[in-house]
Amino acid sequence: MFLQAKHHAVLAKARQQDVPTGGLNACFEVLSLAAAIDQDCATRLGAHGLSEARFVLICILEGRGEAAAPHVLAEQLGVSRATVTGLLDGLERDGLVRRAPDPQDRRSLQVWLTPRGEAAARAVFVEHAAWIDALFGDIDPGERESLARLLHKIWLRTDAGRRAERLSTSNVEDPG
């Protein structure tokens, strides 16, 4: 079994107390898989001097054709402006992005990928996408659809899933 040691400990405690372990085991399998993917992802992106957040940021900027404001990048990444500032500091230091005052509002900044950043974004994206695709290479399209349905079904039972479901149903207009 590919469970992490901490999960084995919780399952042992559940068995001692005669608590059903089917759901716990399935949850811990998903969490262990996610942790393994995250670890591999960090290692692979780290070889290029990137974290996942830095990678996503250069992907957002790549091919954009125009500058982006840091607050827009923060919204797209789902992080704070301070976090984006830190990410941009590192990317600028590494020569992957350039920041300059906005000509229309000198209090604001604009961000672009440098040519080196554009090349890195394209190359790393292709490599990373191929790696992720290979993870699912032995799973046929029908199995992927089943997996997606099952994961969605579980997600809908999470607090985040319930909030999203309430928001989506409250945004639907009443046809009557």
C-alpha atoms as a PDB file:
ATOM      1  CA  MET A   1       0.000   0.000   0.000  1.00  0.00           C
ATOM      2  CA  PHE A   2       1.291   3.458  -0.815  1.00  0.00           C
ATOM      3  CA  LEU A   3      -0.094   5.209   2.264  1.00  0.00           C
ATOM      4  CA  GLN A   4       2.106   7.592   4.204  1.00  0.00           C
ATOM      5  CA  ALA A   5       3.219   6.498   7.686  1.00  0.00           C
ATOM      6  CA  LYS A   6       0.962   9.070   9.356  1.00  0.00           C
ATOM      7  CA  HIS A   7      -2.047   7.561   7.613  1.00  0.00           C
ATOM      8  CA  HIS A   8      -1.128   4.049   8.730  1.00  0.00           C
ATOM      9  CA  ALA A   9      -1.031   5.363  12.312  1.00  0.00           C
ATOM     10  CA  VAL A  10      -4.535   6.837  12.058  1.00  0.00           C
ATOM     11  CA  LEU A  11      -5.898   3.664  10.472  1.00  0.00           C
ATOM     12  CA  ALA A  12      -4.379   1.575  13.280  1.00  0.00           C
ATOM     13  CA  LYS A  13      -6.087   3.833  15.834  1.00  0.00           C
ATOM     14  CA  ALA A  14      -9.398   3.496  13.972  1.00  0.00           C
ATOM     15  CA  ARG A  15      -9.100  -0.318  13.980  1.00  0.00           C
ATOM     16  CA  GLN A  16      -8.352  -0.279  17.732  1.00  0.00           C
ATOM     17  CA  GLN A  17     -11.571   1.642  18.315  1.00  0.00           C
ATOM     18  CA  ASP A  18     -13.647  -0.403  15.845  1.00  0.00           C
ATOM     19  CA  VAL A  19     -14.204   2.643  13.634  1.00  0.00           C
ATOM     20  CA  PRO A  20     -14.960   1.792   9.980  1.00  0.00           C
ATOM     21  CA  THR A  21     -11.823   2.340   7.910  1.00  0.00           C
ATOM     22  CA  GLY A  22     -13.120   2.121   4.316  1.00  0.00           C
ATOM     23  CA  GLY A  23     -13.628   5.860   3.890  1.00  0.00           C
ATOM     24  CA  LEU A  24     -10.489   6.712   5.866  1.00  0.00           C
ATOM     25  CA  ASN A  25      -8.392   4.380   3.748  1.00  0.00           C
ATOM     26  CA  ALA A  26      -9.763   5.760   0.474  1.00  0.00           C
ATOM     27  CA  CYS A  27      -9.230   9.335   1.651  1.00  0.00           C
ATOM     28  CA  PHE A  28      -5.677   8.580   2.751  1.00  0.00           C
ATOM     29  CA  GLU A  29      -4.942   6.921  -0.604  1.00  0.00           C
ATOM     30  CA  VAL A  30      -6.036  10.100  -2.402  1.00  0.00           C
ATOM     31  CA  LEU A  31      -4.010  12.273  -0.013  1.00  0.00           C
ATOM     32  CA  SER A  32      -0.924  10.051  -0.362  1.00  0.00           C
ATOM     33  CA  LEU A  33      -1.191  10.136  -4.144  1.00  0.00           C
ATOM     34  CA  ALA A  34      -1.584  13.921  -4.109  1.00  0.00           C
ATOM     35  CA  ALA A  35       1.454  14.240  -1.823  1.00  0.00           C
ATOM     36  CA  ALA A  36       3.524  12.010  -4.138  1.00  0.00           C
ATOM     37  CA  ILE A  37       2.493  14.040  -7.191  1.00  0.00           C
ATOM     38  CA  ASP A  38       3.245  17.306  -5.360  1.00  0.00           C
ATOM     39  CA  GLN A  39       6.671  16.018  -4.339  1.00  0.00           C
ATOM     40  CA  ASP A  40       7.505  14.858  -7.875  1.00  0.00           C
ATOM     41  CA  CYS A  41       6.193  18.146  -9.248  1.00  0.00           C
ATOM     42  CA  ALA A  42       8.384  20.160  -6.868  1.00  0.00           C
ATOM     43  CA  THR A  43      11.438  18.100  -7.825  1.00  0.00           C
ATOM     44  CA  ARG A  44      10.806  18.405 -11.566  1.00  0.00           C
ATOM     45  CA  LEU A  45      10.066  22.138 -11.477  1.00  0.00           C
ATOM     46  CA  GLY A  46      12.905  22.720  -9.007  1.00  0.00           C
ATOM     47  CA  ALA A  47      15.341  21.395 -11.612  1.00  0.00           C
ATOM     48  CA  HIS A  48      14.352  24.481 -13.645  1.00  0.00           C
ATOM     49  CA  GLY A  49      14.600  26.832 -10.663  1.00  0.00           C
ATOM     50  CA  LEU A  50      10.816  27.027 -10.380  1.00  0.00           C
ATOM     51  CA  SER A  51       8.248  26.352  -7.705  1.00  0.00           C
ATOM     52  CA  GLU A  52       4.703  25.468  -8.698  1.00  0.00           C
ATOM     53  CA  ALA A  53       3.601  29.071  -8.079  1.00  0.00           C
ATOM     54  CA  ARG A  54       6.464  30.504 -10.153  1.00  0.00           C
ATOM     55  CA  PHE A  55       5.674  28.010 -12.918  1.00  0.00           C
ATOM     56  CA  VAL A  56       1.981  28.925 -12.994  1.00  0.00           C
ATOM     57  CA  LEU A  57       2.867  32.624 -12.973  1.00  0.00           C
ATOM     58  CA  ILE A  58       5.121  32.358 -16.028  1.00  0.00           C
ATOM     59  CA  CYS A  59       2.468  30.201 -17.733  1.00  0.00           C
ATOM     60  CA  ILE A  60      -0.098  32.964 -17.141  1.00  0.00           C
ATOM     61  CA  LEU A  61       2.257  35.542 -18.629  1.00  0.00           C
ATOM     62  CA  GLU A  62       3.492  33.415 -21.562  1.00  0.00           C
ATOM     63  CA  GLY A  63       1.985  34.308 -24.916  1.00  0.00           C
ATOM     64  CA  ARG A  64      -0.117  37.029 -23.360  1.00  0.00           C
ATOM     65  CA  GLY A  65       1.105  39.676 -25.790  1.00  0.00           C
ATOM     66  CA  GLU A  66       0.578  42.434 -23.251  1.00  0.00           C
ATOM     67  CA  ALA A  67       1.727  43.362 -19.792  1.00  0.00           C
ATOM     68  CA  ALA A  68      -0.166  42.349 -16.682  1.00  0.00           C
ATOM     69  CA  ALA A  69      -0.613  44.215 -13.435  1.00  0.00           C
ATOM     70  CA  PRO A  70       0.564  42.371 -10.307  1.00  0.00           C
ATOM     71  CA  HIS A  71      -2.904  42.561  -8.722  1.00  0.00           C
ATOM     72  CA  VAL A  72      -4.384  40.812 -11.783  1.00  0.00           C
ATOM     73  CA  LEU A  73      -1.736  38.090 -11.503  1.00  0.00           C
ATOM     74  CA  ALA A  74      -2.552  37.688  -7.790  1.00  0.00           C
ATOM     75  CA  GLU A  75      -6.226  37.176  -8.627  1.00  0.00           C
ATOM     76  CA  GLN A  76      -5.436  34.629 -11.337  1.00  0.00           C
ATOM     77  CA  LEU A  77      -3.087  32.718  -9.031  1.00  0.00           C
ATOM     78  CA  GLY A  78      -5.457  32.945  -6.081  1.00  0.00           C
ATOM     79  CA  VAL A  79      -2.795  34.423  -3.812  1.00  0.00           C
ATOM     80  CA  SER A  80      -2.171  37.737  -2.084  1.00  0.00           C
ATOM     81  CA  ARG A  81      -0.508  40.698  -3.750  1.00  0.00           C
ATOM     82  CA  ALA A  82       2.390  40.324  -1.318  1.00  0.00           C
ATOM     83  CA  THR A  83       2.896  36.723  -2.461  1.00  0.00           C
ATOM     84  CA  VAL A  84       2.936  37.818  -6.107  1.00  0.00           C
ATOM     85  CA  THR A  85       5.460  40.520  -5.266  1.00  0.00           C
ATOM     86  CA  GLY A  86       7.748  37.890  -3.742  1.00  0.00           C
ATOM     87  CA  LEU A  87       7.323  35.598  -6.738  1.00  0.00           C
ATOM     88  CA  LEU A  88       8.038  38.452  -9.144  1.00  0.00           C
ATOM     89  CA  ASP A  89      11.128  39.477  -7.151  1.00  0.00           C
ATOM     90  CA  GLY A  90      12.615  36.012  -7.661  1.00  0.00           C
ATOM     91  CA  LEU A  91      11.575  35.735 -11.298  1.00  0.00           C
ATOM     92  CA  GLU A  92      13.007  39.174 -12.041  1.00  0.00           C
ATOM     93  CA  ARG A  93      16.262  38.286 -10.242  1.00  0.00           C
ATOM     94  CA  ASP A  94      16.457  35.161 -12.443  1.00  0.00           C
ATOM     95  CA  GLY A  95      15.891  37.232 -15.592  1.00  0.00           C
ATOM     96  CA  LEU A  96      12.514  35.671 -16.424  1.00  0.00           C
ATOM     97  CA  VAL A  97      10.276  38.725 -15.937  1.00  0.00           C
ATOM     98  CA  ARG A  98      10.582  42.468 -16.273  1.00  0.00           C
ATOM     99  CA  ARG A  99       8.641  45.050 -14.286  1.00  0.00           C
ATOM    100  CA  ALA A 100       8.182  48.676 -15.227  1.00  0.00           C
ATOM    101  CA  PRO A 101       5.881  51.528 -14.224  1.00  0.00           C
ATOM    102  CA  ASP A 102       2.608  51.693 -16.123  1.00  0.00           C
ATOM    103  CA  PRO A 103       2.884  54.645 -18.559  1.00  0.00           C
ATOM    104  CA  GLN A 104      -0.745  55.622 -17.844  1.00  0.00           C
ATOM    105  CA  ASP A 105      -0.406  55.359 -14.055  1.00  0.00           C
ATOM    106  CA  ARG A 106       3.138  55.543 -12.763  1.00  0.00           C
ATOM    107  CA  ARG A 107       1.947  54.311  -9.333  1.00  0.00           C
ATOM    108  CA  SER A 108       1.132  50.960 -10.938  1.00  0.00           C
ATOM    109  CA  LEU A 109       3.443  48.344 -12.369  1.00  0.00           C
ATOM    110  CA  GLN A 110       3.295  46.255 -15.497  1.00  0.00           C
ATOM    111  CA  VAL A 111       4.887  42.825 -15.767  1.00  0.00           C
ATOM    112  CA  TRP A 112       6.145  40.995 -18.866  1.00  0.00           C
ATOM    113  CA  LEU A 113       8.095  37.844 -19.472  1.00  0.00           C
ATOM    114  CA  THR A 114      11.548  38.444 -20.876  1.00  0.00           C
ATOM    115  CA  PRO A 115      12.513  36.480 -23.998  1.00  0.00           C
ATOM    116  CA  ARG A 116      14.308  34.072 -21.647  1.00  0.00           C
ATOM    117  CA  GLY A 117      11.123  33.804 -19.579  1.00  0.00           C
ATOM    118  CA  GLU A 118       9.003  33.137 -22.676  1.00  0.00           C
ATOM    119  CA  ALA A 119      11.342  30.338 -23.760  1.00  0.00           C
ATOM    120  CA  ALA A 120      11.425  28.840 -20.261  1.00  0.00           C
ATOM    121  CA  ALA A 121       7.643  28.970 -19.935  1.00  0.00           C
ATOM    122  CA  ARG A 122       7.132  27.167 -23.241  1.00  0.00           C
ATOM    123  CA  ALA A 123       9.788  24.520 -22.639  1.00  0.00           C
ATOM    124  CA  VAL A 124       8.870  23.741 -19.049  1.00  0.00           C
ATOM    125  CA  PHE A 125       5.149  23.690 -19.836  1.00  0.00           C
ATOM    126  CA  VAL A 126       5.578  21.133 -22.610  1.00  0.00           C
ATOM    127  CA  GLU A 127       7.814  18.960 -20.417  1.00  0.00           C
ATOM    128  CA  HIS A 128       5.518  19.257 -17.396  1.00  0.00           C
ATOM    129  CA  ALA A 129       2.346  18.544 -19.373  1.00  0.00           C
ATOM    130  CA  ALA A 130       3.966  15.442 -20.902  1.00  0.00           C
ATOM    131  CA  TRP A 131       4.958  14.183 -17.443  1.00  0.00           C
ATOM    132  CA  ILE A 132       1.432  14.679 -16.083  1.00  0.00           C
ATOM    133  CA  ASP A 133      -0.058  13.002 -19.159  1.00  0.00           C
ATOM    134  CA  ALA A 134       2.276  10.029 -18.620  1.00  0.00           C
ATOM    135  CA  LEU A 135       0.981   9.642 -15.039  1.00  0.00           C
ATOM    136  CA  PHE A 136      -2.422   8.865 -16.526  1.00  0.00           C
ATOM    137  CA  GLY A 137      -1.081   7.035 -19.578  1.00  0.00           C
ATOM    138  CA  ASP A 138      -2.378   3.593 -18.576  1.00  0.00           C
ATOM    139  CA  ILE A 139      -5.844   4.903 -17.757  1.00  0.00           C
ATOM    140  CA  ASP A 140      -8.222   4.849 -20.699  1.00  0.00           C
ATOM    141  CA  PRO A 141     -10.594   7.769 -21.385  1.00  0.00           C
ATOM    142  CA  GLY A 142     -13.575   5.962 -19.842  1.00  0.00           C
ATOM    143  CA  GLU A 143     -11.629   5.303 -16.652  1.00  0.00           C
ATOM    144  CA  ARG A 144     -10.542   8.973 -16.523  1.00  0.00           C
ATOM    145  CA  GLU A 145     -14.189  10.035 -16.849  1.00  0.00           C
ATOM    146  CA  SER A 146     -15.158   7.644 -14.051  1.00  0.00           C
ATOM    147  CA  LEU A 147     -12.337   8.936 -11.884  1.00  0.00           C
ATOM    148  CA  ALA A 148     -13.396  12.533 -12.527  1.00  0.00           C
ATOM    149  CA  ARG A 149     -17.022  11.720 -11.624  1.00  0.00           C
ATOM    150  CA  LEU A 150     -15.989   9.956  -8.423  1.00  0.00           C
ATOM    151  CA  LEU A 151     -13.636  12.749  -7.358  1.00  0.00           C
ATOM    152  CA  HIS A 152     -16.322  15.340  -8.103  1.00  0.00           C
ATOM    153  CA  LYS A 153     -18.848  13.370  -6.071  1.00  0.00           C
ATOM    154  CA  ILE A 154     -16.489  13.400  -3.088  1.00  0.00           C
ATOM    155  CA  TRP A 155     -15.567  17.060  -3.653  1.00  0.00           C
ATOM    156  CA  LEU A 156     -19.239  18.014  -3.439  1.00  0.00           C
ATOM    157  CA  ARG A 157     -19.225  16.671   0.138  1.00  0.00           C
ATOM    158  CA  THR A 158     -16.379  18.965   1.193  1.00  0.00           C
ATOM    159  CA  ASP A 159     -17.039  22.389   2.675  1.00  0.00           C
ATOM    160  CA  ALA A 160     -15.483  23.984  -0.420  1.00  0.00           C
ATOM    161  CA  GLY A 161     -17.660  21.874  -2.708  1.00  0.00           C
ATOM    162  CA  ARG A 162     -20.825  22.748  -0.819  1.00  0.00           C
ATOM    163  CA  ARG A 163     -19.933  26.468  -0.899  1.00  0.00           C
ATOM    164  CA  ALA A 164     -19.252  26.307  -4.635  1.00  0.00           C
ATOM    165  CA  GLU A 165     -22.497  24.427  -5.224  1.00  0.00           C
ATOM    166  CA  ARG A 166     -24.483  27.026  -3.231  1.00  0.00           C
ATOM    167  CA  LEU A 167     -22.825  29.839  -5.184  1.00  0.00           C
ATOM    168  CA  SER A 168     -23.519  28.212  -8.536  1.00  0.00           C
ATOM    169  CA  THR A 169     -27.178  27.551  -7.708  1.00  0.00           C
ATOM    170  CA  SER A 170     -27.663  31.070  -6.302  1.00  0.00           C
ATOM    171  CA  ASN A 171     -26.249  32.529  -9.546  1.00  0.00           C
ATOM    172  CA  VAL A 172     -28.757  30.658 -11.708  1.00  0.00           C
ATOM    173  CA  GLU A 173     -31.623  32.882 -12.660  1.00  0.00           C
ATOM    174  CA  ASP A 174     -35.150  31.751 -11.765  1.00  0.00           C
ATOM    175  CA  PRO A 175     -36.835  30.810 -15.078  1.00  0.00           C
ATOM    176  CA  GLY A 176     -40.286  31.447 -13.594  1.00  0.00           C
END
